[in-house]
Every structure is written in C-alpha cells, then in structure tokens.
N, C-alpha and C. Protein backbone atom coordinates (compact mmCIF):
# COMPACT_ATOMS: atom_id res chain seq x y z
N UNK A 1 8.67 -17.47 6.20
CA UNK A 1 10.04 -17.66 5.79
C UNK A 1 10.94 -16.58 6.40
N UNK A 2 10.45 -15.33 6.45
CA UNK A 2 11.25 -14.25 7.02
C UNK A 2 11.60 -14.56 8.47
N UNK A 3 10.64 -15.06 9.25
CA UNK A 3 10.92 -15.39 10.65
C UNK A 3 11.96 -16.50 10.76
N UNK A 4 11.92 -17.47 9.87
CA UNK A 4 12.91 -18.55 9.89
C UNK A 4 14.30 -17.99 9.64
N UNK A 5 14.43 -17.07 8.67
CA UNK A 5 15.71 -16.44 8.38
C UNK A 5 16.21 -15.67 9.60
N UNK A 6 15.34 -14.87 10.20
CA UNK A 6 15.74 -14.09 11.38
C UNK A 6 16.12 -15.02 12.51
N UNK A 7 15.37 -16.08 12.70
CA UNK A 7 15.67 -17.04 13.78
C UNK A 7 17.05 -17.64 13.57
N UNK A 8 17.38 -18.02 12.33
CA UNK A 8 18.68 -18.62 12.05
C UNK A 8 19.82 -17.63 12.24
N UNK A 9 19.63 -16.40 11.77
CA UNK A 9 20.69 -15.39 11.86
C UNK A 9 20.91 -14.94 13.30
N UNK A 10 19.83 -14.68 14.02
CA UNK A 10 19.95 -14.10 15.35
C UNK A 10 19.83 -15.11 16.47
N UNK A 11 19.61 -16.38 16.12
CA UNK A 11 19.44 -17.43 17.12
C UNK A 11 18.35 -17.05 18.12
N UNK A 12 17.18 -16.71 17.59
CA UNK A 12 16.05 -16.22 18.39
C UNK A 12 15.24 -17.40 18.92
N UNK A 13 14.89 -17.33 20.18
CA UNK A 13 13.98 -18.29 20.77
C UNK A 13 12.57 -17.72 20.66
N UNK A 14 11.76 -18.28 19.75
CA UNK A 14 10.44 -17.72 19.49
C UNK A 14 9.45 -17.98 20.63
N UNK A 15 9.80 -18.71 21.63
CA UNK A 15 8.93 -18.93 22.76
C UNK A 15 9.28 -18.00 23.92
N UNK A 16 10.23 -17.11 23.71
CA UNK A 16 10.62 -16.17 24.77
C UNK A 16 9.50 -15.15 24.97
N UNK A 17 9.72 -14.22 25.91
CA UNK A 17 8.67 -13.24 26.17
C UNK A 17 8.35 -12.41 24.94
N UNK A 18 7.22 -11.72 24.99
CA UNK A 18 6.71 -10.99 23.83
C UNK A 18 7.46 -9.69 23.53
N UNK A 19 8.23 -9.21 24.46
CA UNK A 19 9.02 -8.00 24.24
C UNK A 19 10.31 -8.15 25.01
N UNK A 20 11.41 -8.10 24.32
CA UNK A 20 12.67 -8.32 25.01
C UNK A 20 13.86 -7.89 24.16
N UNK A 21 15.01 -7.90 24.76
CA UNK A 21 16.26 -7.63 24.06
C UNK A 21 16.94 -8.95 23.74
N UNK A 22 17.62 -8.98 22.61
CA UNK A 22 18.47 -10.12 22.30
C UNK A 22 19.86 -9.55 22.02
N UNK A 23 20.87 -10.40 22.06
CA UNK A 23 22.23 -9.95 21.81
C UNK A 23 22.76 -10.67 20.59
N UNK A 24 23.32 -9.89 19.66
CA UNK A 24 23.92 -10.42 18.45
C UNK A 24 25.27 -9.75 18.29
N UNK A 25 26.34 -10.51 18.32
CA UNK A 25 27.70 -9.98 18.21
C UNK A 25 27.91 -8.81 19.16
N UNK A 26 27.54 -8.99 20.40
CA UNK A 26 27.69 -8.00 21.47
C UNK A 26 26.85 -6.74 21.27
N UNK A 27 25.89 -6.76 20.36
CA UNK A 27 24.99 -5.62 20.15
C UNK A 27 23.60 -5.99 20.64
N UNK A 28 22.97 -5.09 21.37
CA UNK A 28 21.61 -5.33 21.84
C UNK A 28 20.62 -4.98 20.74
N UNK A 29 19.68 -5.87 20.49
CA UNK A 29 18.68 -5.66 19.46
C UNK A 29 17.30 -5.73 20.11
N UNK A 30 16.56 -4.62 19.98
CA UNK A 30 15.22 -4.57 20.54
C UNK A 30 14.25 -5.30 19.62
N UNK A 31 13.25 -5.95 20.24
CA UNK A 31 12.24 -6.67 19.47
C UNK A 31 10.93 -6.70 20.23
N UNK A 32 9.86 -6.93 19.48
CA UNK A 32 8.55 -7.07 20.10
C UNK A 32 7.74 -8.07 19.29
N UNK A 33 6.84 -8.76 19.93
CA UNK A 33 5.97 -9.74 19.29
C UNK A 33 4.70 -9.03 18.83
N UNK A 34 4.39 -9.10 17.52
CA UNK A 34 3.23 -8.39 16.98
C UNK A 34 2.64 -9.23 15.85
N UNK A 35 1.34 -9.51 15.96
CA UNK A 35 0.61 -10.31 14.96
C UNK A 35 1.34 -11.62 14.63
N UNK A 36 1.70 -12.33 15.67
CA UNK A 36 2.31 -13.66 15.55
C UNK A 36 3.66 -13.69 14.86
N UNK A 37 4.42 -12.61 14.95
CA UNK A 37 5.78 -12.63 14.44
C UNK A 37 6.62 -11.60 15.17
N UNK A 38 7.93 -11.83 15.20
CA UNK A 38 8.84 -10.90 15.84
C UNK A 38 9.11 -9.71 14.93
N UNK A 39 9.10 -8.52 15.51
CA UNK A 39 9.46 -7.29 14.81
C UNK A 39 10.70 -6.74 15.50
N UNK A 40 11.72 -6.42 14.71
CA UNK A 40 13.00 -5.95 15.23
C UNK A 40 13.19 -4.49 14.86
N UNK A 41 13.96 -3.78 15.67
CA UNK A 41 14.27 -2.37 15.39
C UNK A 41 15.36 -2.34 14.33
N UNK A 42 15.03 -1.74 13.18
CA UNK A 42 15.94 -1.73 12.03
C UNK A 42 17.27 -1.08 12.38
N UNK A 43 17.23 0.00 13.12
CA UNK A 43 18.48 0.69 13.48
C UNK A 43 19.40 -0.25 14.27
N UNK A 44 18.85 -1.05 15.16
CA UNK A 44 19.66 -2.00 15.94
C UNK A 44 20.29 -3.06 15.04
N UNK A 45 19.52 -3.56 14.06
CA UNK A 45 20.03 -4.58 13.13
C UNK A 45 21.16 -3.99 12.28
N UNK A 46 20.94 -2.80 11.74
CA UNK A 46 21.96 -2.15 10.90
C UNK A 46 23.22 -1.89 11.72
N UNK A 47 23.05 -1.43 12.94
CA UNK A 47 24.21 -1.18 13.81
C UNK A 47 25.01 -2.47 14.03
N UNK A 48 24.32 -3.57 14.25
CA UNK A 48 24.99 -4.85 14.53
C UNK A 48 25.71 -5.40 13.29
N UNK A 49 25.21 -5.09 12.10
CA UNK A 49 25.74 -5.69 10.88
C UNK A 49 26.72 -4.79 10.11
N UNK A 50 26.82 -3.53 10.49
CA UNK A 50 27.70 -2.61 9.76
C UNK A 50 28.67 -1.93 10.71
N UNK A 51 29.62 -1.24 10.12
CA UNK A 51 30.57 -0.44 10.90
C UNK A 51 30.22 1.04 10.83
N UNK A 52 29.00 1.36 10.44
CA UNK A 52 28.58 2.74 10.25
C UNK A 52 28.56 3.48 11.58
N UNK A 53 29.04 4.72 11.53
CA UNK A 53 29.02 5.57 12.71
C UNK A 53 27.66 6.24 12.85
N UNK A 54 27.06 6.62 11.73
CA UNK A 54 25.77 7.30 11.72
C UNK A 54 24.72 6.37 11.10
N UNK A 55 24.03 5.62 11.95
CA UNK A 55 23.08 4.60 11.50
C UNK A 55 21.92 5.21 10.73
N UNK A 56 21.38 6.32 11.20
CA UNK A 56 20.24 6.94 10.52
C UNK A 56 20.62 7.39 9.10
N UNK A 57 21.82 7.95 8.94
CA UNK A 57 22.27 8.35 7.61
C UNK A 57 22.46 7.12 6.72
N UNK A 58 23.00 6.04 7.27
CA UNK A 58 23.19 4.81 6.53
C UNK A 58 21.83 4.28 6.01
N UNK A 59 20.83 4.28 6.87
CA UNK A 59 19.50 3.80 6.48
C UNK A 59 18.88 4.73 5.43
N UNK A 60 19.04 6.03 5.59
CA UNK A 60 18.52 6.98 4.60
C UNK A 60 19.16 6.75 3.23
N UNK A 61 20.44 6.47 3.20
CA UNK A 61 21.12 6.20 1.92
C UNK A 61 20.62 4.89 1.31
N UNK A 62 20.37 3.90 2.15
CA UNK A 62 19.80 2.64 1.63
C UNK A 62 18.44 2.90 1.00
N UNK A 63 17.63 3.74 1.62
CA UNK A 63 16.30 4.05 1.09
C UNK A 63 16.39 4.83 -0.22
N UNK A 64 17.39 5.69 -0.36
CA UNK A 64 17.57 6.44 -1.60
C UNK A 64 17.95 5.51 -2.76
N UNK A 65 18.67 4.44 -2.46
CA UNK A 65 19.15 3.52 -3.50
C UNK A 65 18.16 2.42 -3.85
N UNK A 66 17.18 2.18 -2.99
CA UNK A 66 16.25 1.06 -3.19
C UNK A 66 14.81 1.57 -3.12
N UNK A 67 14.10 1.45 -4.24
CA UNK A 67 12.73 1.95 -4.30
C UNK A 67 11.80 1.26 -3.29
N UNK A 68 11.98 -0.02 -3.10
CA UNK A 68 11.12 -0.79 -2.17
C UNK A 68 11.30 -0.30 -0.74
N UNK A 69 12.55 -0.05 -0.34
CA UNK A 69 12.81 0.48 1.00
C UNK A 69 12.27 1.89 1.15
N UNK A 70 12.33 2.66 0.10
CA UNK A 70 11.87 4.05 0.15
C UNK A 70 10.36 4.14 0.43
N UNK A 71 9.62 3.07 0.12
CA UNK A 71 8.17 3.06 0.36
C UNK A 71 7.86 3.05 1.85
N UNK A 72 8.80 2.59 2.65
CA UNK A 72 8.58 2.59 4.09
C UNK A 72 8.23 1.28 4.57
C-alpha cells in the first residue's frame, strides 16, 4: 500500500531503473530499488513538500514530536 501511495503522489514509474532521480514540483528526489520496493531519501521528500530552510532541523523536530519517527 505504501508503494501505491508513493506512486500516486510522485507519479513514479516502477519499471524504471533500479536507482535514479525523479522530479516532483521541480525538486529532485533520490531513490533506489531495495527488496522489491522503492526507497526515497527522506530529506529530499521533506524539501519538496515544505518551505523549510533547514531540512535536517525540520526532520529532527518531527522526530521529537512523534515517538514512532524517533525510533528511526
């Protein structure tokens, strides 16, 4: 289900190469194929979806507020 959501949001072609860049709202998002599913770089996704200047700080604050994210 997670892959279906990502495919719909990012318009991902799951038959593309196993490691590549995709573009979402003019932002490059790195991805790689691992264990039969696409894995995306979280920092790239957050950058594309937010107006945050400091992406790492934004992610750290998300982890502080959410126990599940804090687990890693």
